[in-house]
Amino acid sequence: MADETRIFRVMLRMNIKPGMEREFEETWHSVGHAITEDPANIRQWLSREDGEEGVYHVVSDWVDEPGFRLFERSDKHLEHRTKLHPYRSSATMATMQVVFEMTGKATAEPRPSVTAG
C-alpha cells in the first residue's frame, strides 16, 4: 500500500461510569452521524470489551491525518464530545497508519446482521 493511500486510524479507549453503559451506547449511536457525515471519515465502530466492565473502544478510519485533525477541531466534533462526556470516567486515544489490509474469506459470504445487545 503506497504511503499516499494509507488509512489513518484512530483508536479511542473509554471507561464508562458504572450503570451508564446502555445509555452511552444509545447516545453514541444517535450522535455517530457527526463523524460518518464528515467527508474525511471512511468508517467507525463502537465495541464493548469482553471481560472488563464498562470499557469501550471506538475505532475510526480516515482518509488522512489532516482530514481527521480538521474534524477534531470542528464545532461538530465539540458537540459530539459534549454529548458523550457525561458517560466517560476516562479515555485514551492512539493514532496510527494502516500498513496492510487483508480481507478474509468471510467477507464474500452473507453474514447475519449485527445489532447492539
PDB file of N, CA and C in Angstrom:
ATOM      1  N   MET A   1       0.853  -1.171   0.000  1.00  0.00           N
ATOM      2  CA  MET A   1       0.000   0.000   0.000  1.00  0.00           C
ATOM      3  C   MET A   1       0.900   1.235   0.000  1.00  0.00           C
ATOM      4  N   ALA A   2       0.758   2.093  -0.966  1.00  0.00           N
ATOM      5  CA  ALA A   2       1.593   3.295  -1.057  1.00  0.00           C
ATOM      6  C   ALA A   2       1.252   4.270   0.062  1.00  0.00           C
ATOM      7  N   ASP A   3       2.254   5.024   0.508  1.00  0.00           N
ATOM      8  CA  ASP A   3       2.053   5.955   1.613  1.00  0.00           C
ATOM      9  C   ASP A   3       0.877   6.892   1.395  1.00  0.00           C
ATOM     10  N   GLU A   4       0.699   7.393   0.165  1.00  0.00           N
ATOM     11  CA  GLU A   4      -0.362   8.369  -0.078  1.00  0.00           C
ATOM     12  C   GLU A   4      -1.762   7.762  -0.001  1.00  0.00           C
ATOM     13  N   THR A   5      -1.873   6.442   0.033  1.00  0.00           N
ATOM     14  CA  THR A   5      -3.185   5.811   0.123  1.00  0.00           C
ATOM     15  C   THR A   5      -3.422   5.140   1.476  1.00  0.00           C
ATOM     16  N   ARG A   6      -2.533   5.309   2.414  1.00  0.00           N
ATOM     17  CA  ARG A   6      -2.701   4.683   3.728  1.00  0.00           C
ATOM     18  C   ARG A   6      -3.848   5.307   4.500  1.00  0.00           C
ATOM     19  N   ILE A   7      -4.579   4.455   5.154  1.00  0.00           N
ATOM     20  CA  ILE A   7      -5.680   4.893   6.006  1.00  0.00           C
ATOM     21  C   ILE A   7      -5.109   5.374   7.331  1.00  0.00           C
ATOM     22  N   PHE A   8      -5.648   6.475   7.836  1.00  0.00           N
ATOM     23  CA  PHE A   8      -5.298   6.982   9.157  1.00  0.00           C
ATOM     24  C   PHE A   8      -6.348   6.458  10.123  1.00  0.00           C
ATOM     25  N   ARG A   9      -5.916   5.708  11.130  1.00  0.00           N
ATOM     26  CA  ARG A   9      -6.834   5.074  12.083  1.00  0.00           C
ATOM     27  C   ARG A   9      -6.691   5.709  13.457  1.00  0.00           C
ATOM     28  N   VAL A  10      -7.833   5.914  14.098  1.00  0.00           N
ATOM     29  CA  VAL A  10      -7.879   6.450  15.458  1.00  0.00           C
ATOM     30  C   VAL A  10      -8.554   5.404  16.336  1.00  0.00           C
ATOM     31  N   MET A  11      -7.908   5.082  17.464  1.00  0.00           N
ATOM     32  CA  MET A  11      -8.483   4.143  18.434  1.00  0.00           C
ATOM     33  C   MET A  11      -8.648   4.856  19.767  1.00  0.00           C
ATOM     34  N   LEU A  12      -9.879   4.905  20.218  1.00  0.00           N
ATOM     35  CA  LEU A  12     -10.218   5.562  21.476  1.00  0.00           C
ATOM     36  C   LEU A  12     -10.683   4.498  22.459  1.00  0.00           C
ATOM     37  N   ARG A  13     -10.069   4.466  23.636  1.00  0.00           N
ATOM     38  CA  ARG A  13     -10.481   3.539  24.705  1.00  0.00           C
ATOM     39  C   ARG A  13     -11.132   4.371  25.783  1.00  0.00           C
ATOM     40  N   MET A  14     -12.366   4.009  26.127  1.00  0.00           N
ATOM     41  CA  MET A  14     -13.114   4.786  27.116  1.00  0.00           C
ATOM     42  C   MET A  14     -13.592   3.906  28.256  1.00  0.00           C
ATOM     43  N   ASN A  15     -13.489   4.433  29.453  1.00  0.00           N
ATOM     44  CA  ASN A  15     -14.091   3.814  30.630  1.00  0.00           C
ATOM     45  C   ASN A  15     -15.393   4.561  30.890  1.00  0.00           C
ATOM     46  N   ILE A  16     -16.491   3.827  30.904  1.00  0.00           N
ATOM     47  CA  ILE A  16     -17.811   4.413  31.098  1.00  0.00           C
ATOM     48  C   ILE A  16     -18.223   4.230  32.551  1.00  0.00           C
ATOM     49  N   LYS A  17     -18.850   5.257  33.098  1.00  0.00           N
ATOM     50  CA  LYS A  17     -19.272   5.217  34.500  1.00  0.00           C
ATOM     51  C   LYS A  17     -20.234   4.049  34.718  1.00  0.00           C
ATOM     52  N   PRO A  18     -20.078   3.340  35.842  1.00  0.00           N
ATOM     53  CA  PRO A  18     -20.929   2.176  36.121  1.00  0.00           C
ATOM     54  C   PRO A  18     -22.418   2.530  36.046  1.00  0.00           C
ATOM     55  N   GLY A  19     -23.174   1.631  35.416  1.00  0.00           N
ATOM     56  CA  GLY A  19     -24.608   1.811  35.293  1.00  0.00           C
ATOM     57  C   GLY A  19     -25.046   2.688  34.135  1.00  0.00           C
ATOM     58  N   MET A  20     -24.096   3.282  33.425  1.00  0.00           N
ATOM     59  CA  MET A  20     -24.427   4.188  32.332  1.00  0.00           C
ATOM     60  C   MET A  20     -24.100   3.591  30.958  1.00  0.00           C
ATOM     61  N   GLU A  21     -23.730   2.321  30.917  1.00  0.00           N
ATOM     62  CA  GLU A  21     -23.273   1.704  29.676  1.00  0.00           C
ATOM     63  C   GLU A  21     -24.339   1.715  28.580  1.00  0.00           C
ATOM     64  N   ARG A  22     -25.551   1.292  28.898  1.00  0.00           N
ATOM     65  CA  ARG A  22     -26.608   1.204  27.889  1.00  0.00           C
ATOM     66  C   ARG A  22     -26.934   2.593  27.331  1.00  0.00           C
ATOM     67  N   GLU A  23     -27.053   3.562  28.206  1.00  0.00           N
ATOM     68  CA  GLU A  23     -27.349   4.934  27.766  1.00  0.00           C
ATOM     69  C   GLU A  23     -26.201   5.492  26.916  1.00  0.00           C
ATOM     70  N   PHE A  24     -24.966   5.171  27.304  1.00  0.00           N
ATOM     71  CA  PHE A  24     -23.818   5.588  26.498  1.00  0.00           C
ATOM     72  C   PHE A  24     -23.906   5.003  25.086  1.00  0.00           C
ATOM     73  N   GLU A  25     -24.177   3.697  24.986  1.00  0.00           N
ATOM     74  CA  GLU A  25     -24.281   3.053  23.677  1.00  0.00           C
ATOM     75  C   GLU A  25     -25.348   3.720  22.812  1.00  0.00           C
ATOM     76  N   GLU A  26     -26.500   3.981  23.398  1.00  0.00           N
ATOM     77  CA  GLU A  26     -27.590   4.611  22.654  1.00  0.00           C
ATOM     78  C   GLU A  26     -27.219   6.021  22.212  1.00  0.00           C
ATOM     79  N   THR A  27     -26.576   6.765  23.088  1.00  0.00           N
ATOM     80  CA  THR A  27     -26.168   8.137  22.749  1.00  0.00           C
ATOM     81  C   THR A  27     -25.098   8.110  21.669  1.00  0.00           C
ATOM     82  N   TRP A  28     -24.112   7.231  21.808  1.00  0.00           N
ATOM     83  CA  TRP A  28     -23.069   7.128  20.784  1.00  0.00           C
ATOM     84  C   TRP A  28     -23.695   6.837  19.421  1.00  0.00           C
ATOM     85  N   HIS A  29     -24.632   5.908  19.388  1.00  0.00           N
ATOM     86  CA  HIS A  29     -25.272   5.555  18.124  1.00  0.00           C
ATOM     87  C   HIS A  29     -26.068   6.731  17.557  1.00  0.00           C
ATOM     88  N   SER A  30     -26.721   7.488  18.419  1.00  0.00           N
ATOM     89  CA  SER A  30     -27.551   8.598  17.927  1.00  0.00           C
ATOM     90  C   SER A  30     -26.724   9.794  17.451  1.00  0.00           C
ATOM     91  N   VAL A  31     -25.512   9.962  17.946  1.00  0.00           N
ATOM     92  CA  VAL A  31     -24.689  11.110  17.536  1.00  0.00           C
ATOM     93  C   VAL A  31     -23.562  10.716  16.575  1.00  0.00           C
ATOM     94  N   GLY A  32     -23.465   9.422  16.254  1.00  0.00           N
ATOM     95  CA  GLY A  32     -22.377   8.936  15.398  1.00  0.00           C
ATOM     96  C   GLY A  32     -22.338   9.554  14.021  1.00  0.00           C
ATOM     97  N   HIS A  33     -23.484  10.022  13.536  1.00  0.00           N
ATOM     98  CA  HIS A  33     -23.524  10.656  12.212  1.00  0.00           C
ATOM     99  C   HIS A  33     -22.633  11.885  12.139  1.00  0.00           C
ATOM    100  N   ALA A  34     -22.340  12.498  13.275  1.00  0.00           N
ATOM    101  CA  ALA A  34     -21.449  13.670  13.283  1.00  0.00           C
ATOM    102  C   ALA A  34     -20.083  13.296  12.725  1.00  0.00           C
ATOM    103  N   ILE A  35     -19.693  12.054  12.909  1.00  0.00           N
ATOM    104  CA  ILE A  35     -18.413  11.591  12.383  1.00  0.00           C
ATOM    105  C   ILE A  35     -18.578  11.041  10.970  1.00  0.00           C
ATOM    106  N   THR A  36     -19.542  10.151  10.776  1.00  0.00           N
ATOM    107  CA  THR A  36     -19.668   9.486   9.476  1.00  0.00           C
ATOM    108  C   THR A  36     -20.087  10.429   8.354  1.00  0.00           C
ATOM    109  N   GLU A  37     -20.655  11.580   8.690  1.00  0.00           N
ATOM    110  CA  GLU A  37     -21.010  12.559   7.657  1.00  0.00           C
ATOM    111  C   GLU A  37     -19.834  13.441   7.257  1.00  0.00           C
ATOM    112  N   ASP A  38     -18.737  13.358   7.994  1.00  0.00           N
ATOM    113  CA  ASP A  38     -17.563  14.153   7.636  1.00  0.00           C
ATOM    114  C   ASP A  38     -16.928  13.557   6.383  1.00  0.00           C
ATOM    115  N   PRO A  39     -16.597  14.373   5.395  1.00  0.00           N
ATOM    116  CA  PRO A  39     -16.050  13.839   4.140  1.00  0.00           C
ATOM    117  C   PRO A  39     -14.718  13.104   4.285  1.00  0.00           C
ATOM    118  N   ALA A  40     -13.997  13.300   5.374  1.00  0.00           N
ATOM    119  CA  ALA A  40     -12.719  12.608   5.563  1.00  0.00           C
ATOM    120  C   ALA A  40     -12.879  11.266   6.272  1.00  0.00           C
ATOM    121  N   ASN A  41     -14.065  10.990   6.817  1.00  0.00           N
ATOM    122  CA  ASN A  41     -14.279   9.740   7.544  1.00  0.00           C
ATOM    123  C   ASN A  41     -14.647   8.611   6.592  1.00  0.00           C
ATOM    124  N   ILE A  42     -14.014   7.459   6.796  1.00  0.00           N
ATOM    125  CA  ILE A  42     -14.300   6.273   5.992  1.00  0.00           C
ATOM    126  C   ILE A  42     -15.327   5.392   6.687  1.00  0.00           C
ATOM    127  N   ARG A  43     -15.096   5.108   7.978  1.00  0.00           N
ATOM    128  CA  ARG A  43     -15.997   4.258   8.752  1.00  0.00           C
ATOM    129  C   ARG A  43     -15.625   4.357  10.223  1.00  0.00           C
ATOM    130  N   GLN A  44     -16.520   3.851  11.077  1.00  0.00           N
ATOM    131  CA  GLN A  44     -16.213   3.785  12.505  1.00  0.00           C
ATOM    132  C   GLN A  44     -16.983   2.635  13.153  1.00  0.00           C
ATOM    133  N   TRP A  45     -16.463   2.175  14.283  1.00  0.00           N
ATOM    134  CA  TRP A  45     -17.064   1.088  15.043  1.00  0.00           C
ATOM    135  C   TRP A  45     -17.053   1.438  16.528  1.00  0.00           C
ATOM    136  N   LEU A  46     -18.073   0.987  17.237  1.00  0.00           N
ATOM    137  CA  LEU A  46     -18.085   1.015  18.700  1.00  0.00           C
ATOM    138  C   LEU A  46     -18.077  -0.435  19.157  1.00  0.00           C
ATOM    139  N   SER A  47     -17.133  -0.783  20.026  1.00  0.00           N
ATOM    140  CA  SER A  47     -17.033  -2.146  20.553  1.00  0.00           C
ATOM    141  C   SER A  47     -16.981  -2.097  22.066  1.00  0.00           C
ATOM    142  N   ARG A  48     -17.627  -3.092  22.684  1.00  0.00           N
ATOM    143  CA  ARG A  48     -17.602  -3.237  24.144  1.00  0.00           C
ATOM    144  C   ARG A  48     -16.592  -4.333  24.454  1.00  0.00           C
ATOM    145  N   GLU A  49     -15.673  -4.051  25.373  1.00  0.00           N
ATOM    146  CA  GLU A  49     -14.625  -5.015  25.703  1.00  0.00           C
ATOM    147  C   GLU A  49     -15.181  -6.180  26.507  1.00  0.00           C
ATOM    148  N   ASP A  50     -14.765  -7.384  26.146  1.00  0.00           N
ATOM    149  CA  ASP A  50     -15.129  -8.580  26.909  1.00  0.00           C
ATOM    150  C   ASP A  50     -14.240  -8.668  28.140  1.00  0.00           C
ATOM    151  N   GLY A  51     -14.837  -9.011  29.264  1.00  0.00           N
ATOM    152  CA  GLY A  51     -14.050  -9.274  30.460  1.00  0.00           C
ATOM    153  C   GLY A  51     -13.694  -8.052  31.282  1.00  0.00           C
ATOM    154  N   GLU A  52     -13.993  -6.866  30.800  1.00  0.00           N
ATOM    155  CA  GLU A  52     -13.715  -5.661  31.598  1.00  0.00           C
ATOM    156  C   GLU A  52     -14.929  -4.750  31.516  1.00  0.00           C
ATOM    157  N   GLU A  53     -15.686  -4.730  32.584  1.00  0.00           N
ATOM    158  CA  GLU A  53     -16.940  -3.985  32.658  1.00  0.00           C
ATOM    159  C   GLU A  53     -16.747  -2.500  32.361  1.00  0.00           C
ATOM    160  N   GLY A  54     -17.602  -1.965  31.494  1.00  0.00           N
ATOM    161  CA  GLY A  54     -17.612  -0.529  31.239  1.00  0.00           C
ATOM    162  C   GLY A  54     -16.517  -0.012  30.333  1.00  0.00           C
ATOM    163  N   VAL A  55     -15.785  -0.895  29.659  1.00  0.00           N
ATOM    164  CA  VAL A  55     -14.711  -0.451  28.768  1.00  0.00           C
ATOM    165  C   VAL A  55     -15.186  -0.583  27.321  1.00  0.00           C
ATOM    166  N   TYR A  56     -15.062   0.511  26.580  1.00  0.00           N
ATOM    167  CA  TYR A  56     -15.465   0.556  25.177  1.00  0.00           C
ATOM    168  C   TYR A  56     -14.304   1.047  24.333  1.00  0.00           C
ATOM    169  N   HIS A  57     -14.321   0.640  23.072  1.00  0.00           N
ATOM    170  CA  HIS A  57     -13.323   1.082  22.108  1.00  0.00           C
ATOM    171  C   HIS A  57     -14.051   1.637  20.888  1.00  0.00           C
ATOM    172  N   VAL A  58     -13.624   2.792  20.441  1.00  0.00           N
ATOM    173  CA  VAL A  58     -14.110   3.351  19.186  1.00  0.00           C
ATOM    174  C   VAL A  58     -12.936   3.339  18.226  1.00  0.00           C
ATOM    175  N   VAL A  59     -13.157   2.760  17.069  1.00  0.00           N
ATOM    176  CA  VAL A  59     -12.145   2.749  16.016  1.00  0.00           C
ATOM    177  C   VAL A  59     -12.743   3.514  14.848  1.00  0.00           C
ATOM    178  N   SER A  60     -12.012   4.482  14.350  1.00  0.00           N
ATOM    179  CA  SER A  60     -12.482   5.224  13.176  1.00  0.00           C
ATOM    180  C   SER A  60     -11.349   5.325  12.165  1.00  0.00           C
ATOM    181  N   ASP A  61     -11.716   5.168  10.901  1.00  0.00           N
ATOM    182  CA  ASP A  61     -10.764   5.253   9.801  1.00  0.00           C
ATOM    183  C   ASP A  61     -11.017   6.527   9.015  1.00  0.00           C
ATOM    184  N   TRP A  62      -9.912   7.171   8.630  1.00  0.00           N
ATOM    185  CA  TRP A  62      -9.958   8.472   7.961  1.00  0.00           C
ATOM    186  C   TRP A  62      -9.097   8.429   6.708  1.00  0.00           C
ATOM    187  N   VAL A  63      -9.426   9.266   5.748  1.00  0.00           N
ATOM    188  CA  VAL A  63      -8.645   9.275   4.507  1.00  0.00           C
ATOM    189  C   VAL A  63      -7.210   9.717   4.757  1.00  0.00           C
ATOM    190  N   ASP A  64      -7.010  10.596   5.745  1.00  0.00           N
ATOM    191  CA  ASP A  64      -5.659  11.031   6.101  1.00  0.00           C
ATOM    192  C   ASP A  64      -5.682  11.753   7.446  1.00  0.00           C
ATOM    193  N   GLU A  65      -4.507  11.989   8.009  1.00  0.00           N
ATOM    194  CA  GLU A  65      -4.423  12.661   9.307  1.00  0.00           C
ATOM    195  C   GLU A  65      -4.906  14.100   9.247  1.00  0.00           C
ATOM    196  N   PRO A  66      -4.528  14.903   8.228  1.00  0.00           N
ATOM    197  CA  PRO A  66      -5.042  16.282   8.193  1.00  0.00           C
ATOM    198  C   PRO A  66      -6.579  16.341   8.187  1.00  0.00           C
ATOM    199  N   GLY A  67      -7.231  15.406   7.488  1.00  0.00           N
ATOM    200  CA  GLY A  67      -8.693  15.379   7.485  1.00  0.00           C
ATOM    201  C   GLY A  67      -9.253  15.091   8.862  1.00  0.00           C
ATOM    202  N   PHE A  68      -8.627  14.148   9.583  1.00  0.00           N
ATOM    203  CA  PHE A  68      -9.063  13.851  10.945  1.00  0.00           C
ATOM    204  C   PHE A  68      -8.850  15.058  11.852  1.00  0.00           C
ATOM    205  N   ARG A  69      -7.669  15.672  11.771  1.00  0.00           N
ATOM    206  CA  ARG A  69      -7.360  16.808  12.654  1.00  0.00           C
ATOM    207  C   ARG A  69      -8.302  17.990  12.404  1.00  0.00           C
ATOM    208  N   LEU A  70      -8.680  18.194  11.154  1.00  0.00           N
ATOM    209  CA  LEU A  70      -9.639  19.249  10.832  1.00  0.00           C
ATOM    210  C   LEU A  70     -10.979  18.960  11.509  1.00  0.00           C
ATOM    211  N   PHE A  71     -11.433  17.714  11.423  1.00  0.00           N
ATOM    212  CA  PHE A  71     -12.673  17.329  12.101  1.00  0.00           C
ATOM    213  C   PHE A  71     -12.517  17.478  13.615  1.00  0.00           C
ATOM    214  N   GLU A  72     -11.379  17.063  14.151  1.00  0.00           N
ATOM    215  CA  GLU A  72     -11.143  17.089  15.596  1.00  0.00           C
ATOM    216  C   GLU A  72     -11.279  18.503  16.167  1.00  0.00           C
ATOM    217  N   ARG A  73     -10.957  19.506  15.360  1.00  0.00           N
ATOM    218  CA  ARG A  73     -11.041  20.908  15.811  1.00  0.00           C
ATOM    219  C   ARG A  73     -12.379  21.572  15.460  1.00  0.00           C
ATOM    220  N   SER A  74     -13.293  20.818  14.870  1.00  0.00           N
ATOM    221  CA  SER A  74     -14.541  21.403  14.385  1.00  0.00           C
ATOM    222  C   SER A  74     -15.600  21.540  15.483  1.00  0.00           C
ATOM    223  N   ASP A  75     -16.560  22.420  15.235  1.00  0.00           N
ATOM    224  CA  ASP A  75     -17.694  22.583  16.146  1.00  0.00           C
ATOM    225  C   ASP A  75     -18.524  21.305  16.220  1.00  0.00           C
ATOM    226  N   LYS A  76     -18.620  20.596  15.101  1.00  0.00           N
ATOM    227  CA  LYS A  76     -19.375  19.345  15.057  1.00  0.00           C
ATOM    228  C   LYS A  76     -18.777  18.326  16.033  1.00  0.00           C
ATOM    229  N   HIS A  77     -17.448  18.246  16.062  1.00  0.00           N
ATOM    230  CA  HIS A  77     -16.798  17.312  16.979  1.00  0.00           C
ATOM    231  C   HIS A  77     -16.993  17.745  18.420  1.00  0.00           C
ATOM    232  N   LEU A  78     -16.900  19.022  18.697  1.00  0.00           N
ATOM    233  CA  LEU A  78     -17.112  19.526  20.054  1.00  0.00           C
ATOM    234  C   LEU A  78     -18.516  19.171  20.537  1.00  0.00           C
ATOM    235  N   GLU A  79     -19.507  19.327  19.678  1.00  0.00           N
ATOM    236  CA  GLU A  79     -20.881  18.984  20.044  1.00  0.00           C
ATOM    237  C   GLU A  79     -21.002  17.478  20.316  1.00  0.00           C
ATOM    238  N   HIS A  80     -20.389  16.666  19.487  1.00  0.00           N
ATOM    239  CA  HIS A  80     -20.388  15.212  19.642  1.00  0.00           C
ATOM    240  C   HIS A  80     -19.747  14.822  20.976  1.00  0.00           C
ATOM    241  N   ARG A  81     -18.578  15.367  21.253  1.00  0.00           N
ATOM    242  CA  ARG A  81     -17.863  15.083  22.515  1.00  0.00           C
ATOM    243  C   ARG A  81     -18.663  15.511  23.725  1.00  0.00           C
ATOM    244  N   THR A  82     -19.313  16.680  23.635  1.00  0.00           N
ATOM    245  CA  THR A  82     -20.088  17.213  24.754  1.00  0.00           C
ATOM    246  C   THR A  82     -21.221  16.262  25.140  1.00  0.00           C
ATOM    247  N   LYS A  83     -21.851  15.635  24.156  1.00  0.00           N
ATOM    248  CA  LYS A  83     -22.952  14.711  24.434  1.00  0.00           C
ATOM    249  C   LYS A  83     -22.466  13.403  25.058  1.00  0.00           C
ATOM    250  N   LEU A  84     -21.254  12.986  24.741  1.00  0.00           N
ATOM    251  CA  LEU A  84     -20.725  11.726  25.267  1.00  0.00           C
ATOM    252  C   LEU A  84     -19.950  11.891  26.576  1.00  0.00           C
ATOM    253  N   HIS A  85     -19.467  13.078  26.846  1.00  0.00           N
ATOM    254  CA  HIS A  85     -18.602  13.310  28.014  1.00  0.00           C
ATOM    255  C   HIS A  85     -19.229  12.898  29.354  1.00  0.00           C
ATOM    256  N   PRO A  86     -20.516  13.132  29.586  1.00  0.00           N
ATOM    257  CA  PRO A  86     -21.079  12.765  30.899  1.00  0.00           C
ATOM    258  C   PRO A  86     -20.967  11.283  31.245  1.00  0.00           C
ATOM    259  N   TYR A  87     -20.785  10.427  30.259  1.00  0.00           N
ATOM    260  CA  TYR A  87     -20.727   8.989  30.498  1.00  0.00           C
ATOM    261  C   TYR A  87     -19.312   8.496  30.787  1.00  0.00           C
ATOM    262  N   ARG A  88     -18.316   9.259  30.411  1.00  0.00           N
ATOM    263  CA  ARG A  88     -16.923   8.810  30.490  1.00  0.00           C
ATOM    264  C   ARG A  88     -16.285   9.142  31.833  1.00  0.00           C
ATOM    265  N   SER A  89     -15.561   8.180  32.383  1.00  0.00           N
ATOM    266  CA  SER A  89     -14.752   8.477  33.562  1.00  0.00           C
ATOM    267  C   SER A  89     -13.303   8.711  33.153  1.00  0.00           C
ATOM    268  N   SER A  90     -12.897   8.133  32.003  1.00  0.00           N
ATOM    269  CA  SER A  90     -11.556   8.385  31.468  1.00  0.00           C
ATOM    270  C   SER A  90     -11.509   7.888  30.028  1.00  0.00           C
ATOM    271  N   ALA A  91     -10.485   8.355  29.317  1.00  0.00           N
ATOM    272  CA  ALA A  91     -10.315   7.919  27.931  1.00  0.00           C
ATOM    273  C   ALA A  91      -8.874   8.126  27.504  1.00  0.00           C
ATOM    274  N   THR A  92      -8.437   7.281  26.586  1.00  0.00           N
ATOM    275  CA  THR A  92      -7.125   7.447  25.956  1.00  0.00           C
ATOM    276  C   THR A  92      -7.307   7.274  24.455  1.00  0.00           C
ATOM    277  N   MET A  93      -6.425   7.921  23.696  1.00  0.00           N
ATOM    278  CA  MET A  93      -6.512   7.853  22.250  1.00  0.00           C
ATOM    279  C   MET A  93      -5.153   7.491  21.667  1.00  0.00           C
ATOM    280  N   ALA A  94      -5.191   6.643  20.653  1.00  0.00           N
ATOM    281  CA  ALA A  94      -3.985   6.299  19.896  1.00  0.00           C
ATOM    282  C   ALA A  94      -4.292   6.511  18.418  1.00  0.00           C
ATOM    283  N   THR A  95      -3.303   7.007  17.689  1.00  0.00           N
ATOM    284  CA  THR A  95      -3.454   7.186  16.245  1.00  0.00           C
ATOM    285  C   THR A  95      -2.401   6.365  15.529  1.00  0.00           C
ATOM    286  N   MET A  96      -2.721   5.955  14.299  1.00  0.00           N
ATOM    287  CA  MET A  96      -1.791   5.095  13.570  1.00  0.00           C
ATOM    288  C   MET A  96      -2.079   5.128  12.080  1.00  0.00           C
ATOM    289  N   GLN A  97      -1.138   4.621  11.309  1.00  0.00           N
ATOM    290  CA  GLN A  97      -1.290   4.434   9.868  1.00  0.00           C
ATOM    291  C   GLN A  97      -1.498   2.948   9.617  1.00  0.00           C
ATOM    292  N   VAL A  98      -2.525   2.603   8.846  1.00  0.00           N
ATOM    293  CA  VAL A  98      -2.725   1.210   8.468  1.00  0.00           C
ATOM    294  C   VAL A  98      -1.641   0.849   7.452  1.00  0.00           C
ATOM    295  N   VAL A  99      -0.884  -0.186   7.731  1.00  0.00           N
ATOM    296  CA  VAL A  99       0.215  -0.589   6.865  1.00  0.00           C
ATOM    297  C   VAL A  99      -0.268  -1.588   5.817  1.00  0.00           C
ATOM    298  N   PHE A 100      -1.015  -2.600   6.252  1.00  0.00           N
ATOM    299  CA  PHE A 100      -1.556  -3.607   5.345  1.00  0.00           C
ATOM    300  C   PHE A 100      -3.002  -3.871   5.721  1.00  0.00           C
ATOM    301  N   GLU A 101      -3.787  -4.243   4.727  1.00  0.00           N
ATOM    302  CA  GLU A 101      -5.149  -4.682   4.945  1.00  0.00           C
ATOM    303  C   GLU A 101      -5.318  -6.002   4.209  1.00  0.00           C
ATOM    304  N   MET A 102      -5.826  -6.997   4.901  1.00  0.00           N
ATOM    305  CA  MET A 102      -6.069  -8.299   4.289  1.00  0.00           C
ATOM    306  C   MET A 102      -7.527  -8.653   4.535  1.00  0.00           C
ATOM    307  N   THR A 103      -8.263  -8.872   3.481  1.00  0.00           N
ATOM    308  CA  THR A 103      -9.677  -9.190   3.590  1.00  0.00           C
ATOM    309  C   THR A 103      -9.854 -10.694   3.740  1.00  0.00           C
ATOM    310  N   GLY A 104     -10.628 -11.103   4.736  1.00  0.00           N
ATOM    311  CA  GLY A 104     -10.858 -12.521   4.992  1.00  0.00           C
ATOM    312  C   GLY A 104     -11.946 -13.107   4.107  1.00  0.00           C
ATOM    313  N   LYS A 105     -11.923 -14.399   4.008  1.00  0.00           N
ATOM    314  CA  LYS A 105     -12.857 -15.126   3.161  1.00  0.00           C
ATOM    315  C   LYS A 105     -14.308 -14.863   3.567  1.00  0.00           C
ATOM    316  N   ALA A 106     -14.562 -14.678   4.823  1.00  0.00           N
ATOM    317  CA  ALA A 106     -15.928 -14.492   5.309  1.00  0.00           C
ATOM    318  C   ALA A 106     -16.596 -13.244   4.732  1.00  0.00           C
ATOM    319  N   THR A 107     -15.821 -12.284   4.238  1.00  0.00           N
ATOM    320  CA  THR A 107     -16.435 -11.075   3.682  1.00  0.00           C
ATOM    321  C   THR A 107     -17.187 -11.365   2.399  1.00  0.00           C
ATOM    322  N   ALA A 108     -16.891 -12.455   1.737  1.00  0.00           N
ATOM    323  CA  ALA A 108     -17.565 -12.799   0.485  1.00  0.00           C
ATOM    324  C   ALA A 108     -18.862 -13.567   0.728  1.00  0.00           C
ATOM    325  N   GLU A 109     -19.069 -14.022   1.958  1.00  0.00           N
ATOM    326  CA  GLU A 109     -20.252 -14.804   2.279  1.00  0.00           C
ATOM    327  C   GLU A 109     -21.248 -13.947   3.053  1.00  0.00           C
ATOM    328  N   PRO A 110     -22.558 -14.181   2.858  1.00  0.00           N
ATOM    329  CA  PRO A 110     -23.568 -13.400   3.603  1.00  0.00           C
ATOM    330  C   PRO A 110     -23.388 -13.619   5.109  1.00  0.00           C
ATOM    331  N   ARG A 111     -23.539 -12.550   5.860  1.00  0.00           N
ATOM    332  CA  ARG A 111     -23.418 -12.615   7.315  1.00  0.00           C
ATOM    333  C   ARG A 111     -24.703 -12.136   7.958  1.00  0.00           C
ATOM    334  N   PRO A 112     -25.037 -12.645   9.137  1.00  0.00           N
ATOM    335  CA  PRO A 112     -26.212 -12.123   9.831  1.00  0.00           C
ATOM    336  C   PRO A 112     -25.970 -10.682  10.244  1.00  0.00           C
ATOM    337  N   SER A 113     -27.022  -9.905  10.349  1.00  0.00           N
ATOM    338  CA  SER A 113     -26.862  -8.504  10.733  1.00  0.00           C
ATOM    339  C   SER A 113     -26.410  -8.421  12.188  1.00  0.00           C
ATOM    340  N   VAL A 114     -25.672  -7.357  12.497  1.00  0.00           N
ATOM    341  CA  VAL A 114     -25.148  -7.139  13.837  1.00  0.00           C
ATOM    342  C   VAL A 114     -26.005  -6.081  14.508  1.00  0.00           C
ATOM    343  N   THR A 115     -26.448  -6.382  15.717  1.00  0.00           N
ATOM    344  CA  THR A 115     -27.232  -5.419  16.493  1.00  0.00           C
ATOM    345  C   THR A 115     -26.650  -5.297  17.880  1.00  0.00           C
ATOM    346  N   ALA A 116     -26.898  -4.163  18.510  1.00  0.00           N
ATOM    347  CA  ALA A 116     -26.416  -3.939  19.878  1.00  0.00           C
ATOM    348  C   ALA A 116     -27.116  -4.911  20.817  1.00  0.00           C
ATOM    349  N   GLY A 117     -26.419  -5.252  21.858  1.00  0.00           N
ATOM    350  CA  GLY A 117     -27.091  -6.103  22.831  1.00  0.00           C
ATOM    351  C   GLY A 117     -26.150  -6.911  23.532  1.00  0.00           C
TER     352      GLY A 117
END
